[in-house]
Structures are given as C-alpha cells and as structure tokens.
Amino acid sequence: MTLVVDTSLDMKPIKFKDVQGDKFDLICIECAIDSVENPPFVCTRCGQPIEFNEKFYVVREATTKPGGPKVDFKETCIGDKYICRTCFDETMNPEYDEEKEV
C-alpha cells in the first residue's frame, strides 16, 4: 500500500490506488511529513510557515540599469524574502483589518 498526500485538498493521506482524477498535486507521505517538519517557505516577517496552495509574495532586490532592471524570476536568490498574504496586506495597507478580508 502506497500512501500519498493531495496538496490541493486537506493534506490527508490517501491510498494511491484510490486517487481519482489528476495526480499533479500528489506528493509521497515522506515528503509531506518532511514539509511539515521543515517547511520550504517561511514568512520573513512573521515567521509562520507558508502552507501548500497558499498564496504568498516573493520580494527581490533589484538594481535599475540603463536598459531597466534585469530580474530572472526562474532562479531563486539567497536574498529572496517570502511574505505571507496577511503580512503583505498589513504592510501595503496600514489600515488593513482582517475582518474586511473576504
């Protein structure tokens, strides 16, 4: 029996043979456990792990040159900062109120 986790759902383990439909969002149970213990992305501002399928922002420092900034978005940089949606909203809108969020 092979257990997998569907990251598009609620992260509950399911048997691979019971999976119906697309298998793009599946990861093995060992990888799921590792991602919970060592989250791949942590918000730089609040320190909370960023969950699977949660929207987040990447802040990257760039330098303007005569031809405009040259930024390669396909490669990660050491200086990249990951910001969760809540922290981004609070930063961009000082009057942000969680109750207004839809």
PDB file of N, CA and C in Angstrom:
ATOM      1  N   MET A   1       0.847  -1.172   0.000  1.00  0.00           N
ATOM      2  CA  MET A   1       0.000   0.000   0.000  1.00  0.00           C
ATOM      3  C   MET A   1       0.900   1.245   0.000  1.00  0.00           C
ATOM      4  N   THR A   2       0.680   2.124  -0.950  1.00  0.00           N
ATOM      5  CA  THR A   2       1.437   3.359  -1.049  1.00  0.00           C
ATOM      6  C   THR A   2       0.544   4.528  -0.653  1.00  0.00           C
ATOM      7  N   LEU A   3       0.966   5.270   0.374  1.00  0.00           N
ATOM      8  CA  LEU A   3       0.209   6.433   0.812  1.00  0.00           C
ATOM      9  C   LEU A   3       0.770   7.680   0.155  1.00  0.00           C
ATOM     10  N   VAL A   4      -0.133   8.542  -0.271  1.00  0.00           N
ATOM     11  CA  VAL A   4       0.240   9.824  -0.851  1.00  0.00           C
ATOM     12  C   VAL A   4      -0.613  10.914  -0.209  1.00  0.00           C
ATOM     13  N   VAL A   5      -0.233  12.154  -0.467  1.00  0.00           N
ATOM     14  CA  VAL A   5      -0.974  13.298   0.052  1.00  0.00           C
ATOM     15  C   VAL A   5      -1.329  14.185  -1.131  1.00  0.00           C
ATOM     16  N   ASP A   6      -2.589  14.604  -1.180  1.00  0.00           N
ATOM     17  CA  ASP A   6      -3.043  15.515  -2.225  1.00  0.00           C
ATOM     18  C   ASP A   6      -2.937  16.930  -1.678  1.00  0.00           C
ATOM     19  N   THR A   7      -1.987  17.698  -2.188  1.00  0.00           N
ATOM     20  CA  THR A   7      -1.741  19.044  -1.664  1.00  0.00           C
ATOM     21  C   THR A   7      -2.849  20.019  -2.022  1.00  0.00           C
ATOM     22  N   SER A   8      -3.713  19.664  -2.969  1.00  0.00           N
ATOM     23  CA  SER A   8      -4.810  20.566  -3.322  1.00  0.00           C
ATOM     24  C   SER A   8      -6.003  20.376  -2.393  1.00  0.00           C
ATOM     25  N   LEU A   9      -5.969  19.342  -1.565  1.00  0.00           N
ATOM     26  CA  LEU A   9      -7.062  19.093  -0.623  1.00  0.00           C
ATOM     27  C   LEU A   9      -6.612  19.438   0.786  1.00  0.00           C
ATOM     28  N   ASP A  10      -6.989  18.647   1.737  1.00  0.00           N
ATOM     29  CA  ASP A  10      -6.702  18.969   3.128  1.00  0.00           C
ATOM     30  C   ASP A  10      -5.490  18.231   3.682  1.00  0.00           C
ATOM     31  N   MET A  11      -4.610  17.746   2.828  1.00  0.00           N
ATOM     32  CA  MET A  11      -3.356  17.094   3.223  1.00  0.00           C
ATOM     33  C   MET A  11      -3.567  15.792   3.999  1.00  0.00           C
ATOM     34  N   LYS A  12      -4.708  15.139   3.824  1.00  0.00           N
ATOM     35  CA  LYS A  12      -4.934  13.855   4.477  1.00  0.00           C
ATOM     36  C   LYS A  12      -4.312  12.758   3.616  1.00  0.00           C
ATOM     37  N   PRO A  13      -3.634  11.803   4.240  1.00  0.00           N
ATOM     38  CA  PRO A  13      -3.060  10.692   3.463  1.00  0.00           C
ATOM     39  C   PRO A  13      -4.154   9.834   2.837  1.00  0.00           C
ATOM     40  N   ILE A  14      -3.935   9.417   1.605  1.00  0.00           N
ATOM     41  CA  ILE A  14      -4.855   8.526   0.905  1.00  0.00           C
ATOM     42  C   ILE A  14      -4.046   7.473   0.168  1.00  0.00           C
ATOM     43  N   LYS A  15      -4.679   6.350  -0.123  1.00  0.00           N
ATOM     44  CA  LYS A  15      -4.010   5.296  -0.878  1.00  0.00           C
ATOM     45  C   LYS A  15      -3.909   5.730  -2.337  1.00  0.00           C
ATOM     46  N   PHE A  16      -2.740   5.491  -2.939  1.00  0.00           N
ATOM     47  CA  PHE A  16      -2.519   5.908  -4.322  1.00  0.00           C
ATOM     48  C   PHE A  16      -3.558   5.291  -5.250  1.00  0.00           C
ATOM     49  N   LYS A  17      -3.927   4.033  -5.008  1.00  0.00           N
ATOM     50  CA  LYS A  17      -4.886   3.373  -5.894  1.00  0.00           C
ATOM     51  C   LYS A  17      -6.293   3.979  -5.787  1.00  0.00           C
ATOM     52  N   ASP A  18      -6.562   4.715  -4.696  1.00  0.00           N
ATOM     53  CA  ASP A  18      -7.869   5.347  -4.512  1.00  0.00           C
ATOM     54  C   ASP A  18      -7.953   6.757  -5.116  1.00  0.00           C
ATOM     55  N   VAL A  19      -6.839   7.249  -5.652  1.00  0.00           N
ATOM     56  CA  VAL A  19      -6.820   8.596  -6.224  1.00  0.00           C
ATOM     57  C   VAL A  19      -7.582   8.594  -7.542  1.00  0.00           C
ATOM     58  N   GLN A  20      -8.462   9.561  -7.688  1.00  0.00           N
ATOM     59  CA  GLN A  20      -9.218   9.702  -8.926  1.00  0.00           C
ATOM     60  C   GLN A  20      -8.920  11.072  -9.509  1.00  0.00           C
ATOM     61  N   GLY A  21      -8.864  11.157 -10.828  1.00  0.00           N
ATOM     62  CA  GLY A  21      -8.610  12.438 -11.488  1.00  0.00           C
ATOM     63  C   GLY A  21      -7.124  12.734 -11.591  1.00  0.00           C
ATOM     64  N   ASP A  22      -6.810  14.024 -11.657  1.00  0.00           N
ATOM     65  CA  ASP A  22      -5.417  14.459 -11.827  1.00  0.00           C
ATOM     66  C   ASP A  22      -4.547  14.031 -10.661  1.00  0.00           C
ATOM     67  N   LYS A  23      -3.311  13.709 -10.995  1.00  0.00           N
ATOM     68  CA  LYS A  23      -2.355  13.308  -9.975  1.00  0.00           C
ATOM     69  C   LYS A  23      -1.229  14.339  -9.848  1.00  0.00           C
ATOM     70  N   PHE A  24      -1.446  15.543 -10.400  1.00  0.00           N
ATOM     71  CA  PHE A  24      -0.421  16.577 -10.390  1.00  0.00           C
ATOM     72  C   PHE A  24      -0.108  17.087  -8.993  1.00  0.00           C
ATOM     73  N   ASP A  25      -1.077  17.091  -8.097  1.00  0.00           N
ATOM     74  CA  ASP A  25      -0.905  17.666  -6.768  1.00  0.00           C
ATOM     75  C   ASP A  25      -0.503  16.633  -5.712  1.00  0.00           C
ATOM     76  N   LEU A  26      -0.095  15.458  -6.149  1.00  0.00           N
ATOM     77  CA  LEU A  26       0.261  14.404  -5.197  1.00  0.00           C
ATOM     78  C   LEU A  26       1.734  14.468  -4.815  1.00  0.00           C
ATOM     79  N   ILE A  27       2.002  14.220  -3.541  1.00  0.00           N
ATOM     80  CA  ILE A  27       3.372  14.024  -3.082  1.00  0.00           C
ATOM     81  C   ILE A  27       3.376  12.801  -2.175  1.00  0.00           C
ATOM     82  N   CYS A  28       4.527  12.177  -2.034  1.00  0.00           N
ATOM     83  CA  CYS A  28       4.601  10.983  -1.189  1.00  0.00           C
ATOM     84  C   CYS A  28       4.457  11.381   0.281  1.00  0.00           C
ATOM     85  N   ILE A  29       4.083  10.431   1.098  1.00  0.00           N
ATOM     86  CA  ILE A  29       3.820  10.701   2.514  1.00  0.00           C
ATOM     87  C   ILE A  29       5.098  11.166   3.223  1.00  0.00           C
ATOM     88  N   GLU A  30       6.257  10.622   2.837  1.00  0.00           N
ATOM     89  CA  GLU A  30       7.519  11.029   3.457  1.00  0.00           C
ATOM     90  C   GLU A  30       7.822  12.494   3.174  1.00  0.00           C
ATOM     91  N   CYS A  31       7.561  12.925   1.925  1.00  0.00           N
ATOM     92  CA  CYS A  31       7.783  14.335   1.566  1.00  0.00           C
ATOM     93  C   CYS A  31       6.815  15.241   2.296  1.00  0.00           C
ATOM     94  N   ALA A  32       5.585  14.789   2.487  1.00  0.00           N
ATOM     95  CA  ALA A  32       4.591  15.585   3.207  1.00  0.00           C
ATOM     96  C   ALA A  32       5.009  15.771   4.663  1.00  0.00           C
ATOM     97  N   ILE A  33       5.490  14.698   5.278  1.00  0.00           N
ATOM     98  CA  ILE A  33       5.944  14.790   6.671  1.00  0.00           C
ATOM     99  C   ILE A  33       7.132  15.732   6.768  1.00  0.00           C
ATOM    100  N   ASP A  34       8.065  15.606   5.826  1.00  0.00           N
ATOM    101  CA  ASP A  34       9.246  16.467   5.829  1.00  0.00           C
ATOM    102  C   ASP A  34       8.867  17.930   5.635  1.00  0.00           C
ATOM    103  N   SER A  35       7.888  18.198   4.770  1.00  0.00           N
ATOM    104  CA  SER A  35       7.492  19.591   4.517  1.00  0.00           C
ATOM    105  C   SER A  35       6.790  20.210   5.719  1.00  0.00           C
ATOM    106  N   VAL A  36       6.158  19.379   6.556  1.00  0.00           N
ATOM    107  CA  VAL A  36       5.528  19.895   7.769  1.00  0.00           C
ATOM    108  C   VAL A  36       6.602  20.174   8.827  1.00  0.00           C
ATOM    109  N   GLU A  37       7.574  19.258   8.941  1.00  0.00           N
ATOM    110  CA  GLU A  37       8.640  19.432   9.927  1.00  0.00           C
ATOM    111  C   GLU A  37       9.640  20.505   9.503  1.00  0.00           C
ATOM    112  N   ASN A  38       9.888  20.619   8.204  1.00  0.00           N
ATOM    113  CA  ASN A  38      10.835  21.603   7.662  1.00  0.00           C
ATOM    114  C   ASN A  38      10.166  22.329   6.504  1.00  0.00           C
ATOM    115  N   PRO A  39       9.308  23.286   6.791  1.00  0.00           N
ATOM    116  CA  PRO A  39       8.560  23.933   5.709  1.00  0.00           C
ATOM    117  C   PRO A  39       9.493  24.592   4.696  1.00  0.00           C
ATOM    118  N   PRO A  40       9.171  24.452   3.407  1.00  0.00           N
ATOM    119  CA  PRO A  40      10.049  25.010   2.377  1.00  0.00           C
ATOM    120  C   PRO A  40      10.045  26.529   2.350  1.00  0.00           C
ATOM    121  N   PHE A  41       8.940  27.145   2.767  1.00  0.00           N
ATOM    122  CA  PHE A  41       8.846  28.600   2.769  1.00  0.00           C
ATOM    123  C   PHE A  41       8.311  29.067   4.116  1.00  0.00           C
ATOM    124  N   VAL A  42       8.985  30.047   4.684  1.00  0.00           N
ATOM    125  CA  VAL A  42       8.570  30.639   5.946  1.00  0.00           C
ATOM    126  C   VAL A  42       8.487  32.143   5.719  1.00  0.00           C
ATOM    127  N   CYS A  43       7.432  32.762   6.205  1.00  0.00           N
ATOM    128  CA  CYS A  43       7.268  34.204   6.054  1.00  0.00           C
ATOM    129  C   CYS A  43       8.419  34.919   6.754  1.00  0.00           C
ATOM    130  N   THR A  44       9.089  35.796   6.026  1.00  0.00           N
ATOM    131  CA  THR A  44      10.220  36.531   6.570  1.00  0.00           C
ATOM    132  C   THR A  44       9.782  37.497   7.658  1.00  0.00           C
ATOM    133  N   ARG A  45       8.552  37.957   7.588  1.00  0.00           N
ATOM    134  CA  ARG A  45       8.068  38.965   8.538  1.00  0.00           C
ATOM    135  C   ARG A  45       7.553  38.342   9.834  1.00  0.00           C
ATOM    136  N   CYS A  46       6.653  37.361   9.738  1.00  0.00           N
ATOM    137  CA  CYS A  46       6.035  36.815  10.954  1.00  0.00           C
ATOM    138  C   CYS A  46       6.612  35.458  11.367  1.00  0.00           C
ATOM    139  N   GLY A  47       7.353  34.814  10.475  1.00  0.00           N
ATOM    140  CA  GLY A  47       7.986  33.544  10.812  1.00  0.00           C
ATOM    141  C   GLY A  47       7.088  32.328  10.701  1.00  0.00           C
ATOM    142  N   GLN A  48       5.847  32.499  10.232  1.00  0.00           N
ATOM    143  CA  GLN A  48       4.920  31.377  10.101  1.00  0.00           C
ATOM    144  C   GLN A  48       5.201  30.617   8.806  1.00  0.00           C
ATOM    145  N   PRO A  49       5.069  29.283   8.818  1.00  0.00           N
ATOM    146  CA  PRO A  49       5.250  28.527   7.580  1.00  0.00           C
ATOM    147  C   PRO A  49       4.147  28.856   6.580  1.00  0.00           C
ATOM    148  N   ILE A  50       4.502  28.872   5.314  1.00  0.00           N
ATOM    149  CA  ILE A  50       3.535  29.108   4.252  1.00  0.00           C
ATOM    150  C   ILE A  50       3.053  27.746   3.783  1.00  0.00           C
ATOM    151  N   GLU A  51       1.752  27.503   3.886  1.00  0.00           N
ATOM    152  CA  GLU A  51       1.154  26.202   3.599  1.00  0.00           C
ATOM    153  C   GLU A  51       1.082  25.931   2.105  1.00  0.00           C
ATOM    154  N   PHE A  52       0.877  24.664   1.742  1.00  0.00           N
ATOM    155  CA  PHE A  52       0.673  24.288   0.346  1.00  0.00           C
ATOM    156  C   PHE A  52      -0.533  25.020  -0.204  1.00  0.00           C
ATOM    157  N   ASN A  53      -0.444  25.462  -1.425  1.00  0.00           N
ATOM    158  CA  ASN A  53      -1.502  26.162  -2.157  1.00  0.00           C
ATOM    159  C   ASN A  53      -1.884  27.497  -1.539  1.00  0.00           C
ATOM    160  N   GLU A  54      -1.134  27.975  -0.569  1.00  0.00           N
ATOM    161  CA  GLU A  54      -1.382  29.298  -0.004  1.00  0.00           C
ATOM    162  C   GLU A  54      -0.637  30.322  -0.854  1.00  0.00           C
ATOM    163  N   LYS A  55      -1.288  31.422  -1.160  1.00  0.00           N
ATOM    164  CA  LYS A  55      -0.633  32.457  -1.952  1.00  0.00           C
ATOM    165  C   LYS A  55       0.351  33.212  -1.071  1.00  0.00           C
ATOM    166  N   PHE A  56       1.505  33.524  -1.644  1.00  0.00           N
ATOM    167  CA  PHE A  56       2.499  34.312  -0.938  1.00  0.00           C
ATOM    168  C   PHE A  56       3.241  35.175  -1.949  1.00  0.00           C
ATOM    169  N   TYR A  57       4.047  36.081  -1.451  1.00  0.00           N
ATOM    170  CA  TYR A  57       4.763  37.012  -2.308  1.00  0.00           C
ATOM    171  C   TYR A  57       6.259  36.815  -2.119  1.00  0.00           C
ATOM    172  N   VAL A  58       7.003  37.005  -3.209  1.00  0.00           N
ATOM    173  CA  VAL A  58       8.452  36.949  -3.157  1.00  0.00           C
ATOM    174  C   VAL A  58       8.957  38.367  -3.391  1.00  0.00           C
ATOM    175  N   VAL A  59       9.709  38.866  -2.440  1.00  0.00           N
ATOM    176  CA  VAL A  59      10.286  40.202  -2.562  1.00  0.00           C
ATOM    177  C   VAL A  59      11.750  40.023  -2.929  1.00  0.00           C
ATOM    178  N   ARG A  60      12.143  40.647  -4.021  1.00  0.00           N
ATOM    179  CA  ARG A  60      13.502  40.511  -4.503  1.00  0.00           C
ATOM    180  C   ARG A  60      14.088  41.895  -4.746  1.00  0.00           C
ATOM    181  N   GLU A  61      15.307  42.068  -4.305  1.00  0.00           N
ATOM    182  CA  GLU A  61      16.001  43.334  -4.521  1.00  0.00           C
ATOM    183  C   GLU A  61      16.562  43.348  -5.934  1.00  0.00           C
ATOM    184  N   ALA A  62      16.425  44.477  -6.615  1.00  0.00           N
ATOM    185  CA  ALA A  62      16.944  44.606  -7.973  1.00  0.00           C
ATOM    186  C   ALA A  62      17.588  45.969  -8.135  1.00  0.00           C
ATOM    187  N   THR A  63      18.469  46.079  -9.105  1.00  0.00           N
ATOM    188  CA  THR A  63      19.141  47.330  -9.402  1.00  0.00           C
ATOM    189  C   THR A  63      18.699  47.811 -10.768  1.00  0.00           C
ATOM    190  N   THR A  64      18.353  49.089 -10.850  1.00  0.00           N
ATOM    191  CA  THR A  64      17.945  49.651 -12.126  1.00  0.00           C
ATOM    192  C   THR A  64      19.194  49.981 -12.946  1.00  0.00           C
ATOM    193  N   LYS A  65      19.177  49.565 -14.186  1.00  0.00           N
ATOM    194  CA  LYS A  65      20.281  49.830 -15.107  1.00  0.00           C
ATOM    195  C   LYS A  65      19.713  50.605 -16.285  1.00  0.00           C
ATOM    196  N   PRO A  66      20.542  51.140 -17.151  1.00  0.00           N
ATOM    197  CA  PRO A  66      20.028  51.916 -18.277  1.00  0.00           C
ATOM    198  C   PRO A  66      18.952  51.201 -19.091  1.00  0.00           C
ATOM    199  N   GLY A  67      19.038  49.890 -19.250  1.00  0.00           N
ATOM    200  CA  GLY A  67      18.044  49.141 -20.010  1.00  0.00           C
ATOM    201  C   GLY A  67      16.885  48.659 -19.153  1.00  0.00           C
ATOM    202  N   GLY A  68      16.853  49.058 -17.900  1.00  0.00           N
ATOM    203  CA  GLY A  68      15.819  48.605 -16.979  1.00  0.00           C
ATOM    204  C   GLY A  68      16.354  47.497 -16.089  1.00  0.00           C
ATOM    205  N   PRO A  69      15.608  47.127 -15.066  1.00  0.00           N
ATOM    206  CA  PRO A  69      16.096  46.067 -14.166  1.00  0.00           C
ATOM    207  C   PRO A  69      16.097  44.713 -14.866  1.00  0.00           C
ATOM    208  N   LYS A  70      17.122  43.948 -14.624  1.00  0.00           N
ATOM    209  CA  LYS A  70      17.218  42.593 -15.167  1.00  0.00           C
ATOM    210  C   LYS A  70      16.984  41.623 -14.011  1.00  0.00           C
ATOM    211  N   VAL A  71      15.851  40.973 -14.014  1.00  0.00           N
ATOM    212  CA  VAL A  71      15.495  40.050 -12.939  1.00  0.00           C
ATOM    213  C   VAL A  71      15.125  38.718 -13.568  1.00  0.00           C
ATOM    214  N   ASP A  72      15.782  37.646 -13.114  1.00  0.00           N
ATOM    215  CA  ASP A  72      15.456  36.303 -13.590  1.00  0.00           C
ATOM    216  C   ASP A  72      14.541  35.654 -12.560  1.00  0.00           C
ATOM    217  N   PHE A  73      13.259  35.567 -12.884  1.00  0.00           N
ATOM    218  CA  PHE A  73      12.292  35.039 -11.926  1.00  0.00           C
ATOM    219  C   PHE A  73      12.301  33.526 -11.844  1.00  0.00           C
ATOM    220  N   LYS A  74      13.003  32.850 -12.757  1.00  0.00           N
ATOM    221  CA  LYS A  74      13.032  31.389 -12.735  1.00  0.00           C
ATOM    222  C   LYS A  74      14.037  30.868 -11.714  1.00  0.00           C
ATOM    223  N   GLU A  75      15.013  31.668 -11.355  1.00  0.00           N
ATOM    224  CA  GLU A  75      16.016  31.237 -10.391  1.00  0.00           C
ATOM    225  C   GLU A  75      15.775  31.903  -9.050  1.00  0.00           C
ATOM    226  N   THR A  76      16.033  31.172  -7.986  1.00  0.00           N
ATOM    227  CA  THR A  76      15.890  31.750  -6.656  1.00  0.00           C
ATOM    228  C   THR A  76      17.208  32.414  -6.262  1.00  0.00           C
ATOM    229  N   CYS A  77      17.105  33.431  -5.453  1.00  0.00           N
ATOM    230  CA  CYS A  77      18.274  34.150  -4.960  1.00  0.00           C
ATOM    231  C   CYS A  77      18.345  33.996  -3.450  1.00  0.00           C
ATOM    232  N   ILE A  78      19.536  34.098  -2.925  1.00  0.00           N
ATOM    233  CA  ILE A  78      19.719  33.992  -1.484  1.00  0.00           C
ATOM    234  C   ILE A  78      18.971  35.113  -0.764  1.00  0.00           C
ATOM    235  N   GLY A  79      18.902  36.286  -1.382  1.00  0.00           N
ATOM    236  CA  GLY A  79      18.261  37.433  -0.752  1.00  0.00           C
ATOM    237  C   GLY A  79      16.755  37.484  -0.894  1.00  0.00           C
ATOM    238  N   ASP A  80      16.151  36.473  -1.539  1.00  0.00           N
ATOM    239  CA  ASP A  80      14.695  36.471  -1.694  1.00  0.00           C
ATOM    240  C   ASP A  80      14.015  36.446  -0.326  1.00  0.00           C
ATOM    241  N   LYS A  81      12.959  37.211  -0.205  1.00  0.00           N
ATOM    242  CA  LYS A  81      12.181  37.219   1.028  1.00  0.00           C
ATOM    243  C   LYS A  81      10.772  36.755   0.684  1.00  0.00           C
ATOM    244  N   TYR A  82      10.253  35.828   1.490  1.00  0.00           N
ATOM    245  CA  TYR A  82       8.921  35.282   1.281  1.00  0.00           C
ATOM    246  C   TYR A  82       7.975  35.928   2.283  1.00  0.00           C
ATOM    247  N   ILE A  83       6.883  36.493   1.784  1.00  0.00           N
ATOM    248  CA  ILE A  83       5.944  37.208   2.631  1.00  0.00           C
ATOM    249  C   ILE A  83       4.563  36.564   2.477  1.00  0.00           C
ATOM    250  N   CYS A  84       3.956  36.174   3.601  1.00  0.00           N
ATOM    251  CA  CYS A  84       2.616  35.589   3.542  1.00  0.00           C
ATOM    252  C   CYS A  84       1.610  36.672   3.159  1.00  0.00           C
ATOM    253  N   ARG A  85       0.456  36.241   2.736  1.00  0.00           N
ATOM    254  CA  ARG A  85      -0.559  37.178   2.248  1.00  0.00           C
ATOM    255  C   ARG A  85      -1.009  38.165   3.330  1.00  0.00           C
ATOM    256  N   THR A  86      -1.159  37.688   4.561  1.00  0.00           N
ATOM    257  CA  THR A  86      -1.596  38.559   5.649  1.00  0.00           C
ATOM    258  C   THR A  86      -0.572  39.648   5.913  1.00  0.00           C
ATOM    259  N   CYS A  87       0.706  39.291   5.996  1.00  0.00           N
ATOM    260  CA  CYS A  87       1.750  40.282   6.239  1.00  0.00           C
ATOM    261  C   CYS A  87       1.856  41.255   5.073  1.00  0.00           C
ATOM    262  N   PHE A  88       1.694  40.758   3.852  1.00  0.00           N
ATOM    263  CA  PHE A  88       1.740  41.634   2.684  1.00  0.00           C
ATOM    264  C   PHE A  88       0.612  42.663   2.757  1.00  0.00           C
ATOM    265  N   ASP A  89      -0.601  42.198   3.064  1.00  0.00           N
ATOM    266  CA  ASP A  89      -1.745  43.113   3.173  1.00  0.00           C
ATOM    267  C   ASP A  89      -1.525  44.143   4.281  1.00  0.00           C
ATOM    268  N   GLU A  90      -0.987  43.695   5.408  1.00  0.00           N
ATOM    269  CA  GLU A  90      -0.729  44.621   6.519  1.00  0.00           C
ATOM    270  C   GLU A  90       0.345  45.635   6.140  1.00  0.00           C
ATOM    271  N   THR A  91       1.347  45.215   5.409  1.00  0.00           N
ATOM    272  CA  THR A  91       2.438  46.097   5.018  1.00  0.00           C
ATOM    273  C   THR A  91       1.988  47.118   3.973  1.00  0.00           C
ATOM    274  N   MET A  92       1.231  46.661   3.000  1.00  0.00           N
ATOM    275  CA  MET A  92       0.817  47.536   1.904  1.00  0.00           C
ATOM    276  C   MET A  92      -0.343  48.455   2.296  1.00  0.00           C
ATOM    277  N   ASN A  93      -1.094  48.072   3.310  1.00  0.00           N
ATOM    278  CA  ASN A  93      -2.237  48.873   3.734  1.00  0.00           C
ATOM    279  C   ASN A  93      -2.201  48.988   5.260  1.00  0.00           C
ATOM    280  N   PRO A  94      -1.666  50.079   5.780  1.00  0.00           N
ATOM    281  CA  PRO A  94      -1.569  50.219   7.241  1.00  0.00           C
ATOM    282  C   PRO A  94      -2.917  50.154   7.953  1.00  0.00           C
ATOM    283  N   GLU A  95      -3.994  50.405   7.242  1.00  0.00           N
ATOM    284  CA  GLU A  95      -5.325  50.360   7.841  1.00  0.00           C
ATOM    285  C   GLU A  95      -5.992  49.000   7.633  1.00  0.00           C
ATOM    286  N   TYR A  96      -5.191  48.000   7.260  1.00  0.00           N
ATOM    287  CA  TYR A  96      -5.701  46.643   6.995  1.00  0.00           C
ATOM    288  C   TYR A  96      -6.413  46.098   8.222  1.00  0.00           C
ATOM    289  N   ASP A  97      -7.548  45.468   7.988  1.00  0.00           N
ATOM    290  CA  ASP A  97      -8.329  44.857   9.056  1.00  0.00           C
ATOM    291  C   ASP A  97      -8.728  43.462   8.598  1.00  0.00           C
ATOM    292  N   GLU A  98      -8.387  42.435   9.354  1.00  0.00           N
ATOM    293  CA  GLU A  98      -8.679  41.055   8.966  1.00  0.00           C
ATOM    294  C   GLU A  98     -10.166  40.824   8.737  1.00  0.00           C
ATOM    295  N   GLU A  99     -11.020  41.558   9.430  1.00  0.00           N
ATOM    296  CA  GLU A  99     -12.464  41.358   9.269  1.00  0.00           C
ATOM    297  C   GLU A  99     -12.931  41.808   7.896  1.00  0.00           C
ATOM    298  N   LYS A 100     -12.186  42.690   7.235  1.00  0.00           N
ATOM    299  CA  LYS A 100     -12.580  43.148   5.916  1.00  0.00           C
ATOM    300  C   LYS A 100     -12.235  42.146   4.831  1.00  0.00           C
ATOM    301  N   GLU A 101     -11.323  41.203   5.145  1.00  0.00           N
ATOM    302  CA  GLU A 101     -10.889  40.218   4.172  1.00  0.00           C
ATOM    303  C   GLU A 101     -12.051  39.309   3.800  1.00  0.00           C
ATOM    304  N   VAL A 102     -12.221  39.059   2.514  1.00  0.00           N
ATOM    305  CA  VAL A 102     -13.345  38.243   2.028  1.00  0.00           C
ATOM    306  C   VAL A 102     -12.886  36.845   1.776  1.00  0.00           C
TER     307      VAL A 102
END
